[in-house]
């Protein structure tokens, strides 16, 4: 792959949210803030991703959320987080 192709792909890539932004997305999903519906699976995913970057508040909220979720929901959230990481891991590692 040429450097020009790699640069084009890089410039078209979605911006990677910071741990604080991921935490905020988790809060929004878990509370329905910003006019959205409550989505515990999405909230767990974002808290999990923020926790992986060391956000302690996200660790706390993820733990609290698991008490309200069914095992299948937790599994879905973990799958979603893994898929997100597979897609974005190089950029997350570079940003950390």
N, C-alpha and C. Protein backbone atom coordinates (compact mmCIF):
# COMPACT_ATOMS: atom_id res chain seq x y z
N UNK A 1 0.85 -1.17 0.00
CA UNK A 1 0.00 0.00 0.00
C UNK A 1 0.90 1.24 0.00
N UNK A 2 0.60 2.16 -0.89
CA UNK A 2 1.42 3.36 -1.00
C UNK A 2 1.17 4.30 0.17
N UNK A 3 2.11 5.17 0.40
CA UNK A 3 1.96 6.16 1.48
C UNK A 3 0.78 7.08 1.20
N UNK A 4 0.55 7.39 -0.10
CA UNK A 4 -0.58 8.25 -0.44
C UNK A 4 -1.91 7.59 -0.07
N UNK A 5 -2.02 6.29 -0.35
CA UNK A 5 -3.23 5.54 -0.01
C UNK A 5 -3.42 5.50 1.50
N UNK A 6 -2.34 5.23 2.22
CA UNK A 6 -2.43 5.19 3.68
C UNK A 6 -2.81 6.55 4.23
N UNK A 7 -2.25 7.61 3.68
CA UNK A 7 -2.58 8.96 4.14
C UNK A 7 -4.05 9.27 3.86
N UNK A 8 -4.53 8.91 2.66
CA UNK A 8 -5.95 9.12 2.34
C UNK A 8 -6.84 8.40 3.33
N UNK A 9 -6.53 7.15 3.65
CA UNK A 9 -7.32 6.39 4.61
C UNK A 9 -7.28 7.05 5.99
N UNK A 10 -6.11 7.52 6.38
CA UNK A 10 -5.97 8.18 7.67
C UNK A 10 -6.82 9.44 7.74
N UNK A 11 -6.80 10.23 6.70
CA UNK A 11 -7.54 11.49 6.69
C UNK A 11 -9.05 11.28 6.65
N UNK A 12 -9.50 10.14 6.12
CA UNK A 12 -10.93 9.84 6.06
C UNK A 12 -11.43 9.14 7.32
N UNK A 13 -10.52 8.73 8.18
CA UNK A 13 -10.90 7.96 9.37
C UNK A 13 -11.71 8.83 10.34
N UNK A 14 -12.57 8.16 11.09
CA UNK A 14 -13.34 8.84 12.12
C UNK A 14 -12.38 9.29 13.23
N UNK A 15 -12.64 10.44 13.83
CA UNK A 15 -11.80 10.82 14.97
C UNK A 15 -12.04 9.85 16.13
N UNK A 16 -10.99 9.51 16.83
CA UNK A 16 -11.08 8.58 17.95
C UNK A 16 -11.42 9.36 19.21
N UNK A 17 -12.52 8.99 19.88
CA UNK A 17 -12.87 9.71 21.11
C UNK A 17 -11.85 9.44 22.22
N UNK A 18 -11.65 10.44 23.05
CA UNK A 18 -10.78 10.27 24.22
C UNK A 18 -11.51 9.42 25.26
N UNK A 19 -10.80 9.00 26.30
CA UNK A 19 -11.42 8.24 27.38
C UNK A 19 -12.55 9.04 28.01
N UNK A 20 -12.35 10.35 28.17
CA UNK A 20 -13.40 11.20 28.76
C UNK A 20 -14.62 11.26 27.84
N UNK A 21 -14.39 11.34 26.54
CA UNK A 21 -15.51 11.37 25.60
C UNK A 21 -16.24 10.02 25.58
N UNK A 22 -15.49 8.93 25.66
CA UNK A 22 -16.11 7.60 25.73
C UNK A 22 -16.96 7.48 26.99
N UNK A 23 -16.44 7.99 28.09
CA UNK A 23 -17.18 7.99 29.36
C UNK A 23 -18.48 8.77 29.20
N UNK A 24 -18.40 9.95 28.58
CA UNK A 24 -19.58 10.78 28.36
C UNK A 24 -20.60 10.05 27.49
N UNK A 25 -20.13 9.34 26.45
CA UNK A 25 -21.04 8.55 25.61
C UNK A 25 -21.72 7.46 26.43
N UNK A 26 -20.98 6.86 27.35
CA UNK A 26 -21.57 5.86 28.24
C UNK A 26 -22.65 6.45 29.13
N UNK A 27 -22.38 7.64 29.67
CA UNK A 27 -23.38 8.33 30.50
C UNK A 27 -24.63 8.64 29.68
N UNK A 28 -24.43 9.17 28.48
CA UNK A 28 -25.57 9.50 27.63
C UNK A 28 -26.39 8.26 27.31
N UNK A 29 -25.74 7.16 26.97
CA UNK A 29 -26.45 5.93 26.63
C UNK A 29 -27.16 5.34 27.84
N UNK A 30 -26.56 5.46 29.02
CA UNK A 30 -27.15 4.85 30.21
C UNK A 30 -28.29 5.67 30.81
N UNK A 31 -28.36 6.94 30.46
CA UNK A 31 -29.39 7.81 31.04
C UNK A 31 -30.41 8.31 30.03
N UNK A 32 -30.10 8.14 28.75
CA UNK A 32 -30.98 8.69 27.73
C UNK A 32 -30.80 10.19 27.55
N UNK A 33 -29.69 10.71 28.07
CA UNK A 33 -29.40 12.14 27.92
C UNK A 33 -29.31 12.50 26.44
N UNK A 34 -29.40 13.73 26.13
CA UNK A 34 -29.37 14.24 24.76
C UNK A 34 -30.56 13.76 23.94
N UNK A 35 -31.65 13.41 24.63
CA UNK A 35 -32.87 13.04 23.93
C UNK A 35 -32.91 11.63 23.38
N UNK A 36 -31.89 10.84 23.64
CA UNK A 36 -31.86 9.47 23.14
C UNK A 36 -32.54 8.51 24.09
N UNK A 37 -32.68 7.28 23.64
CA UNK A 37 -33.24 6.24 24.49
C UNK A 37 -32.13 5.62 25.33
N UNK A 38 -32.50 5.04 26.45
CA UNK A 38 -31.54 4.34 27.29
C UNK A 38 -31.11 3.07 26.56
N UNK A 39 -29.80 2.88 26.44
CA UNK A 39 -29.24 1.71 25.76
C UNK A 39 -28.12 1.17 26.63
N UNK A 40 -28.44 0.18 27.47
CA UNK A 40 -27.46 -0.36 28.41
C UNK A 40 -26.30 -1.06 27.71
N UNK A 41 -26.57 -1.70 26.57
CA UNK A 41 -25.51 -2.39 25.83
C UNK A 41 -24.49 -1.37 25.33
N UNK A 42 -24.97 -0.29 24.72
CA UNK A 42 -24.06 0.76 24.24
C UNK A 42 -23.34 1.42 25.40
N UNK A 43 -24.05 1.66 26.50
CA UNK A 43 -23.42 2.28 27.67
C UNK A 43 -22.28 1.42 28.18
N UNK A 44 -22.53 0.12 28.32
CA UNK A 44 -21.49 -0.80 28.80
C UNK A 44 -20.30 -0.79 27.85
N UNK A 45 -20.56 -0.79 26.55
CA UNK A 45 -19.47 -0.75 25.56
C UNK A 45 -18.60 0.48 25.78
N UNK A 46 -19.21 1.67 25.87
CA UNK A 46 -18.43 2.90 26.00
C UNK A 46 -17.71 2.97 27.35
N UNK A 47 -18.38 2.52 28.43
CA UNK A 47 -17.71 2.48 29.72
C UNK A 47 -16.53 1.51 29.67
N UNK A 48 -16.70 0.38 29.01
CA UNK A 48 -15.64 -0.61 28.90
C UNK A 48 -14.44 -0.02 28.15
N UNK A 49 -14.70 0.65 27.03
CA UNK A 49 -13.62 1.24 26.24
C UNK A 49 -12.91 2.36 27.02
N UNK A 50 -13.67 3.17 27.74
CA UNK A 50 -13.05 4.22 28.56
C UNK A 50 -12.25 3.61 29.70
N UNK A 51 -12.77 2.54 30.29
CA UNK A 51 -12.06 1.86 31.39
C UNK A 51 -10.74 1.28 30.90
N UNK A 52 -10.72 0.77 29.68
CA UNK A 52 -9.48 0.23 29.12
C UNK A 52 -8.39 1.29 29.00
N UNK A 53 -8.81 2.55 28.94
CA UNK A 53 -7.85 3.66 28.88
C UNK A 53 -7.59 4.25 30.26
N UNK A 54 -8.10 3.57 31.30
CA UNK A 54 -7.79 3.98 32.67
C UNK A 54 -8.80 4.90 33.34
N UNK A 55 -9.94 5.15 32.73
CA UNK A 55 -10.94 6.03 33.32
C UNK A 55 -11.63 5.30 34.48
N UNK A 56 -11.33 5.73 35.71
CA UNK A 56 -11.85 5.04 36.90
C UNK A 56 -13.35 5.21 37.07
N UNK A 57 -13.89 6.36 36.70
CA UNK A 57 -15.34 6.55 36.78
C UNK A 57 -16.05 5.56 35.86
N UNK A 58 -15.48 5.35 34.68
CA UNK A 58 -16.07 4.39 33.74
C UNK A 58 -16.03 2.98 34.32
N UNK A 59 -14.95 2.65 35.01
CA UNK A 59 -14.85 1.33 35.65
C UNK A 59 -15.98 1.15 36.66
N UNK A 60 -16.21 2.19 37.46
CA UNK A 60 -17.27 2.14 38.47
C UNK A 60 -18.65 1.96 37.81
N UNK A 61 -18.94 2.79 36.82
CA UNK A 61 -20.25 2.74 36.17
C UNK A 61 -20.46 1.43 35.40
N UNK A 62 -19.41 0.92 34.80
CA UNK A 62 -19.52 -0.37 34.10
C UNK A 62 -19.89 -1.46 35.11
N UNK A 63 -19.26 -1.45 36.26
CA UNK A 63 -19.54 -2.44 37.31
C UNK A 63 -20.99 -2.30 37.78
N UNK A 64 -21.45 -1.07 38.00
CA UNK A 64 -22.83 -0.84 38.43
C UNK A 64 -23.82 -1.32 37.36
N UNK A 65 -23.49 -1.04 36.12
CA UNK A 65 -24.38 -1.41 35.02
C UNK A 65 -24.54 -2.92 34.89
N UNK A 66 -23.48 -3.66 35.13
CA UNK A 66 -23.57 -5.12 34.98
C UNK A 66 -24.57 -5.72 35.96
N UNK A 67 -24.83 -5.04 37.07
CA UNK A 67 -25.81 -5.53 38.03
C UNK A 67 -27.24 -5.39 37.50
N UNK A 68 -27.44 -4.50 36.53
CA UNK A 68 -28.77 -4.27 35.96
C UNK A 68 -28.98 -5.02 34.64
N UNK A 69 -27.92 -5.60 34.10
CA UNK A 69 -28.00 -6.21 32.77
C UNK A 69 -28.10 -7.73 32.85
N UNK A 70 -28.69 -8.29 31.81
CA UNK A 70 -28.74 -9.74 31.66
C UNK A 70 -27.42 -10.20 31.04
N UNK A 71 -27.02 -11.46 31.29
CA UNK A 71 -25.77 -11.97 30.73
C UNK A 71 -25.67 -11.80 29.21
N UNK A 72 -26.77 -11.99 28.50
CA UNK A 72 -26.73 -11.85 27.04
C UNK A 72 -26.46 -10.40 26.63
N UNK A 73 -26.94 -9.43 27.42
CA UNK A 73 -26.68 -8.03 27.13
C UNK A 73 -25.20 -7.70 27.36
N UNK A 74 -24.65 -8.24 28.43
CA UNK A 74 -23.23 -8.01 28.73
C UNK A 74 -22.37 -8.60 27.62
N UNK A 75 -22.72 -9.80 27.19
CA UNK A 75 -21.98 -10.45 26.10
C UNK A 75 -22.05 -9.62 24.82
N UNK A 76 -23.23 -9.07 24.53
CA UNK A 76 -23.39 -8.23 23.33
C UNK A 76 -22.55 -6.96 23.45
N UNK A 77 -22.51 -6.37 24.63
CA UNK A 77 -21.71 -5.16 24.84
C UNK A 77 -20.23 -5.45 24.69
N UNK A 78 -19.78 -6.58 25.21
CA UNK A 78 -18.37 -6.95 25.09
C UNK A 78 -18.00 -7.23 23.64
N UNK A 79 -18.90 -7.89 22.90
CA UNK A 79 -18.65 -8.13 21.47
C UNK A 79 -18.53 -6.80 20.73
N UNK A 80 -19.43 -5.89 21.04
CA UNK A 80 -19.42 -4.58 20.39
C UNK A 80 -18.13 -3.82 20.69
N UNK A 81 -17.66 -3.89 21.93
CA UNK A 81 -16.40 -3.23 22.30
C UNK A 81 -15.22 -3.86 21.57
N UNK A 82 -15.22 -5.20 21.49
CA UNK A 82 -14.13 -5.88 20.76
C UNK A 82 -14.12 -5.49 19.29
N UNK A 83 -15.30 -5.42 18.67
CA UNK A 83 -15.39 -5.02 17.27
C UNK A 83 -14.88 -3.59 17.08
N UNK A 84 -15.26 -2.71 18.00
CA UNK A 84 -14.81 -1.32 17.91
C UNK A 84 -13.28 -1.27 18.02
N UNK A 85 -12.73 -2.03 18.96
CA UNK A 85 -11.28 -2.05 19.13
C UNK A 85 -10.57 -2.61 17.91
N UNK A 86 -11.12 -3.67 17.32
CA UNK A 86 -10.51 -4.24 16.12
C UNK A 86 -10.41 -3.19 15.02
N UNK A 87 -11.43 -2.38 14.92
CA UNK A 87 -11.46 -1.34 13.88
C UNK A 87 -10.55 -0.17 14.20
N UNK A 88 -10.43 0.19 15.48
CA UNK A 88 -9.75 1.43 15.87
C UNK A 88 -8.47 1.25 16.68
N UNK A 89 -8.09 0.04 17.02
CA UNK A 89 -6.95 -0.17 17.93
C UNK A 89 -5.69 0.60 17.55
N UNK A 90 -5.22 0.58 16.29
CA UNK A 90 -3.98 1.33 16.00
C UNK A 90 -4.09 2.81 16.35
N UNK A 91 -5.23 3.41 16.08
CA UNK A 91 -5.40 4.83 16.38
C UNK A 91 -5.51 5.07 17.88
N UNK A 92 -6.18 4.17 18.60
CA UNK A 92 -6.30 4.31 20.05
C UNK A 92 -4.94 4.20 20.70
N UNK A 93 -4.13 3.24 20.26
CA UNK A 93 -2.79 3.05 20.79
C UNK A 93 -1.93 4.29 20.53
N UNK A 94 -2.05 4.86 19.34
CA UNK A 94 -1.26 6.04 19.00
C UNK A 94 -1.70 7.25 19.81
N UNK A 95 -3.00 7.34 20.12
CA UNK A 95 -3.52 8.49 20.87
C UNK A 95 -3.20 8.40 22.35
N UNK A 96 -2.97 7.22 22.87
CA UNK A 96 -2.74 7.04 24.31
C UNK A 96 -1.39 7.52 24.76
